[in-house]
Amino acid sequence: MTTKTLYQAGSLLLFVFLWLLLIDVINHPLIMPSFSSVMKSVFSIVTSLDTLEIIGMTLFRLFISIMISLGIGVLLGILSGIIPEISWLLKPHVTVLRTIPVISIIVILLVLFGFRVAPFVITFLMVFPIIYQASYEGIRHMDTELKDVYKLEHHDIKLAIRYLYLPMITPYITLSILQSFGLGLKVLVMAEYLSQTRISIGNALYLSKVNLEYNNVFGWSIVLILMSLIFETLFKKYQNRKS
């Protein structure tokens, strides 16, 4: 067992110890459910077909939103890196999206787009600046000599994007996707919770809270953390394989 693994295991054990201590101090199942009841809830969530469908639908919404953000963000990021005028036009909008409070944009978009479409739009708008900025920075940090040589031999912007810019900024895009999954999942679940989207993790959390099933609230929270860790592990393995 490596030193890194020992530190991580020790940190996890400390968290469990503090949780058990809080349970003993508060001594109220509605406020702080027992460790065993939460673990039973987690097991029920990951083994029930109904809850697996809920997880699948939330992941589907997340995947669609990130794929749209990826397509538009990478294209605009590359164009902004090549053509300064485009970056000047987009900078105020990207800055607003990066600084506006999440709850504000969720409420506004719920009113504008309705409960079905809003979770997709909200997730897209929160993830788009990350992918756009990564693509833009990737272009700006490219070797200028390489770009100059390519410009001398080729003048087709489509070929340049396909064979020069995209391969060179792939590490930036990969990192932005990793960040997008974590942020996107949190924002999407919040949007699902506020809009009470049918067949969603957000709605499952809402129903658990209304029915005072706080063990399920904790259970779903742990499942969300595990999902984020799985995404992070998969992308890191992908990066290591490519490097």
Protein backbone atom coordinates (compact mmCIF):
# COMPACT_ATOMS: atom_id res chain seq x y z
CA MET A 1 0.00 0.00 0.00
CA THR A 2 1.45 3.35 -1.07
CA THR A 3 1.81 6.42 1.15
CA LYS A 4 -0.77 8.24 -0.99
CA THR A 5 -3.31 5.45 -0.41
CA LEU A 6 -2.65 5.48 3.34
CA TYR A 7 -3.25 9.24 3.53
CA GLN A 8 -6.48 8.94 1.53
CA ALA A 9 -7.72 6.03 3.65
CA GLY A 10 -6.86 7.90 6.84
CA SER A 11 -8.72 10.99 5.63
CA LEU A 12 -11.78 8.88 4.83
CA LEU A 13 -11.69 7.18 8.24
CA LEU A 14 -11.44 10.59 9.93
CA PHE A 15 -14.53 11.75 8.02
CA VAL A 16 -16.48 8.65 9.10
CA PHE A 17 -15.33 9.16 12.71
CA LEU A 18 -16.53 12.79 12.71
CA TRP A 19 -19.83 11.70 11.20
CA LEU A 20 -20.35 9.06 13.92
CA LEU A 21 -19.42 11.65 16.55
CA LEU A 22 -22.03 14.11 15.20
CA ILE A 23 -24.66 11.37 15.20
CA ASP A 24 -23.90 10.64 18.85
CA VAL A 25 -23.89 14.33 19.85
CA ILE A 26 -27.06 15.35 17.97
CA ASN A 27 -28.87 12.08 18.71
CA HIS A 28 -31.84 12.85 16.44
CA PRO A 29 -32.48 10.66 13.36
CA LEU A 30 -34.43 13.36 11.53
CA ILE A 31 -31.52 15.78 11.73
CA MET A 32 -28.57 13.40 11.50
CA PRO A 33 -29.53 9.87 10.35
CA SER A 34 -27.48 6.93 11.52
CA PHE A 35 -24.53 5.65 9.53
CA SER A 36 -26.16 2.25 8.97
CA SER A 37 -29.43 3.73 7.67
CA VAL A 38 -27.53 5.94 5.19
CA MET A 39 -25.46 2.98 3.95
CA LYS A 40 -28.67 0.96 3.48
CA SER A 41 -30.09 3.87 1.50
CA VAL A 42 -26.97 3.99 -0.71
CA PHE A 43 -27.21 0.24 -1.33
CA SER A 44 -30.89 0.57 -2.19
CA ILE A 45 -30.19 3.42 -4.61
CA VAL A 46 -27.45 1.61 -6.55
CA THR A 47 -29.34 -1.70 -6.74
CA SER A 48 -32.94 -0.64 -7.48
CA LEU A 49 -34.05 -0.46 -11.12
CA ASP A 50 -36.20 2.60 -10.40
CA THR A 51 -33.35 4.60 -8.90
CA LEU A 52 -30.93 3.43 -11.61
CA GLU A 53 -33.38 4.84 -14.16
CA ILE A 54 -33.33 8.13 -12.23
CA ILE A 55 -29.52 8.19 -12.31
CA GLY A 56 -29.54 7.31 -16.01
CA MET A 57 -31.91 10.16 -16.91
CA THR A 58 -29.85 12.72 -14.99
CA LEU A 59 -26.66 11.46 -16.67
CA PHE A 60 -28.40 11.65 -20.04
CA ARG A 61 -29.29 15.31 -19.45
CA LEU A 62 -25.74 15.99 -18.28
CA PHE A 63 -24.22 14.27 -21.33
CA ILE A 64 -26.42 16.15 -23.81
CA SER A 65 -25.70 19.50 -22.15
CA ILE A 66 -21.94 18.93 -22.08
CA MET A 67 -21.82 17.69 -25.69
CA ILE A 68 -23.61 20.86 -26.87
CA SER A 69 -21.28 22.98 -24.72
CA LEU A 70 -18.29 21.10 -26.10
CA GLY A 71 -19.26 21.64 -29.73
CA ILE A 72 -20.05 25.34 -29.39
CA GLY A 73 -17.37 26.12 -26.80
CA VAL A 74 -14.50 24.54 -28.71
CA LEU A 75 -15.53 26.14 -32.02
CA LEU A 76 -15.92 29.63 -30.54
CA GLY A 77 -12.79 29.21 -28.42
CA ILE A 78 -10.68 28.35 -31.46
CA LEU A 79 -12.15 31.18 -33.51
CA SER A 80 -11.57 33.62 -30.64
CA GLY A 81 -7.96 32.53 -30.40
CA ILE A 82 -7.47 33.04 -34.14
CA ILE A 83 -9.60 36.17 -34.66
CA PRO A 84 -9.22 38.76 -31.84
CA GLU A 85 -12.44 40.57 -32.81
CA ILE A 86 -14.50 37.48 -31.92
CA SER A 87 -12.87 37.23 -28.48
CA TRP A 88 -13.64 40.93 -27.90
CA LEU A 89 -17.30 40.34 -28.72
CA LEU A 90 -17.63 37.23 -26.54
CA LYS A 91 -15.61 38.34 -23.51
CA PRO A 92 -18.42 40.35 -21.79
CA HIS A 93 -20.91 37.50 -22.22
CA VAL A 94 -18.49 34.84 -20.96
CA THR A 95 -17.57 37.05 -17.99
CA VAL A 96 -21.25 37.45 -17.07
CA LEU A 97 -21.84 33.70 -17.24
CA ARG A 98 -18.78 33.02 -15.06
CA THR A 99 -19.70 35.57 -12.38
CA ILE A 100 -23.51 35.50 -12.17
CA PRO A 101 -24.77 33.55 -9.11
CA VAL A 102 -25.97 30.06 -10.07
CA ILE A 103 -29.27 30.41 -8.23
CA SER A 104 -30.06 33.64 -10.10
CA ILE A 105 -29.58 32.14 -13.54
CA ILE A 106 -31.54 29.03 -12.55
CA VAL A 107 -34.57 31.07 -11.46
CA ILE A 108 -34.43 33.30 -14.56
CA LEU A 109 -34.14 30.37 -16.99
CA LEU A 110 -36.87 28.38 -15.26
CA VAL A 111 -39.23 31.26 -15.96
CA LEU A 112 -38.02 31.73 -19.55
CA PHE A 113 -37.73 28.13 -20.74
CA GLY A 114 -40.04 26.14 -18.49
CA PHE A 115 -39.33 23.13 -16.31
CA ARG A 116 -38.48 20.60 -19.04
CA VAL A 117 -35.95 22.54 -21.11
CA ALA A 118 -34.44 24.75 -18.39
CA PRO A 119 -32.14 22.08 -16.81
CA PHE A 120 -30.44 21.54 -20.19
CA VAL A 121 -30.03 25.28 -20.82
CA ILE A 122 -28.83 25.99 -17.27
CA THR A 123 -26.18 23.27 -17.40
CA PHE A 124 -25.05 24.40 -20.85
CA LEU A 125 -24.62 28.03 -19.74
CA MET A 126 -22.64 27.01 -16.65
CA VAL A 127 -20.35 24.60 -18.50
CA PHE A 128 -19.85 26.57 -21.72
CA PRO A 129 -17.47 29.22 -20.23
CA ILE A 130 -15.13 26.49 -18.92
CA ILE A 131 -14.81 24.75 -22.30
CA TYR A 132 -14.66 28.03 -24.22
CA GLN A 133 -11.91 29.46 -22.00
CA ALA A 134 -9.88 26.24 -22.17
CA SER A 135 -10.05 26.18 -25.97
CA TYR A 136 -9.19 29.88 -26.18
CA GLU A 137 -6.21 29.56 -23.84
CA GLY A 138 -5.04 26.49 -25.73
CA ILE A 139 -4.89 28.46 -28.97
CA ARG A 140 -3.15 31.40 -27.31
CA HIS A 141 -0.45 29.18 -25.81
CA MET A 142 0.32 27.39 -29.07
CA ASP A 143 3.78 27.72 -30.59
CA THR A 144 3.56 30.80 -32.84
CA GLU A 145 6.24 29.42 -35.17
CA LEU A 146 4.12 26.33 -35.80
CA LYS A 147 1.10 28.49 -36.62
CA ASP A 148 3.16 30.68 -38.95
CA VAL A 149 4.54 27.67 -40.84
CA TYR A 150 1.05 26.26 -41.30
CA LYS A 151 -0.28 29.62 -42.52
CA LEU A 152 2.46 29.78 -45.16
CA GLU A 153 1.54 26.36 -46.58
CA HIS A 154 -2.26 26.27 -46.06
CA HIS A 155 -4.94 28.95 -46.12
CA ASP A 156 -8.04 26.84 -45.44
CA ILE A 157 -9.38 27.62 -41.94
CA LYS A 158 -11.30 24.32 -41.85
CA LEU A 159 -8.13 22.31 -42.45
CA ALA A 160 -6.27 24.40 -39.89
CA ILE A 161 -8.88 23.72 -37.23
CA ARG A 162 -8.99 20.00 -38.00
CA TYR A 163 -5.30 19.19 -38.41
CA LEU A 164 -3.52 21.87 -36.37
CA TYR A 165 -5.60 23.60 -33.72
CA LEU A 166 -7.76 20.70 -32.46
CA PRO A 167 -4.84 18.25 -31.95
CA MET A 168 -2.78 20.91 -30.20
CA ILE A 169 -5.48 21.99 -27.73
CA THR A 170 -6.80 18.49 -26.94
CA PRO A 171 -5.13 18.42 -23.45
CA TYR A 172 -6.83 21.72 -22.57
CA ILE A 173 -10.20 20.42 -23.79
CA THR A 174 -9.81 17.14 -21.88
CA LEU A 175 -9.14 19.01 -18.63
CA SER A 176 -12.12 21.30 -19.25
CA ILE A 177 -14.40 18.29 -19.78
CA LEU A 178 -13.24 16.82 -16.46
CA GLN A 179 -14.07 20.10 -14.71
CA SER A 180 -17.37 20.36 -16.59
CA PHE A 181 -18.68 17.00 -15.42
CA GLY A 182 -18.22 17.90 -11.76
CA LEU A 183 -19.70 21.39 -12.03
CA GLY A 184 -22.35 20.32 -14.53
CA LEU A 185 -23.60 17.53 -12.29
CA LYS A 186 -23.98 19.87 -9.31
CA VAL A 187 -25.74 22.57 -11.32
CA LEU A 188 -28.00 20.09 -13.11
CA VAL A 189 -29.15 18.42 -9.89
CA MET A 190 -29.86 21.85 -8.39
CA ALA A 191 -31.91 22.78 -11.46
CA GLU A 192 -33.77 19.46 -11.31
CA TYR A 193 -34.48 20.04 -7.62
CA LEU A 194 -35.91 23.54 -8.14
CA SER A 195 -37.89 22.58 -11.25
CA GLN A 196 -38.93 19.19 -9.81
CA THR A 197 -38.00 17.51 -13.08
CA ARG A 198 -39.61 14.10 -13.41
CA ILE A 199 -37.31 11.06 -13.15
CA SER A 200 -34.28 12.94 -11.89
CA ILE A 201 -31.88 12.92 -8.94
CA GLY A 202 -32.97 16.46 -8.07
CA ASN A 203 -36.59 15.41 -7.81
CA ALA A 204 -35.62 12.34 -5.76
CA LEU A 205 -33.82 14.64 -3.31
CA TYR A 206 -36.84 16.93 -3.16
CA LEU A 207 -39.25 14.07 -2.43
CA SER A 208 -36.89 12.67 0.22
CA LYS A 209 -36.79 16.06 1.95
CA VAL A 210 -40.57 16.53 1.80
CA ASN A 211 -41.16 13.05 3.21
CA LEU A 212 -38.54 13.63 5.95
CA GLU A 213 -36.45 10.71 4.65
CA TYR A 214 -33.13 12.31 5.47
CA ASN A 215 -31.30 9.01 5.23
CA ASN A 216 -32.17 9.08 1.51
CA VAL A 217 -31.00 12.70 1.26
CA PHE A 218 -27.62 11.64 2.66
CA GLY A 219 -27.69 8.51 0.50
CA TRP A 220 -28.26 10.44 -2.72
CA SER A 221 -25.53 12.91 -1.71
CA ILE A 222 -23.04 10.05 -1.30
CA VAL A 223 -24.09 8.60 -4.68
CA LEU A 224 -23.46 12.00 -6.32
CA ILE A 225 -20.00 12.17 -4.74
CA LEU A 226 -19.23 8.65 -6.00
CA MET A 227 -20.41 9.60 -9.50
CA SER A 228 -18.08 12.62 -9.53
CA LEU A 229 -15.17 10.47 -8.35
CA ILE A 230 -15.87 7.90 -11.08
CA PHE A 231 -15.88 10.62 -13.76
CA GLU A 232 -12.63 12.05 -12.43
CA THR A 233 -10.95 8.62 -12.32
CA LEU A 234 -12.03 7.74 -15.86
CA PHE A 235 -10.76 11.00 -17.33
CA LYS A 236 -7.45 10.74 -15.46
CA LYS A 237 -6.94 7.23 -16.81
CA TYR A 238 -7.73 8.53 -20.27
CA GLN A 239 -5.20 11.35 -19.88
CA ASN A 240 -2.51 8.96 -18.62
CA ARG A 241 -3.12 6.61 -21.54
CA LYS A 242 -2.83 9.47 -24.05
CA SER A 243 0.31 10.95 -22.46
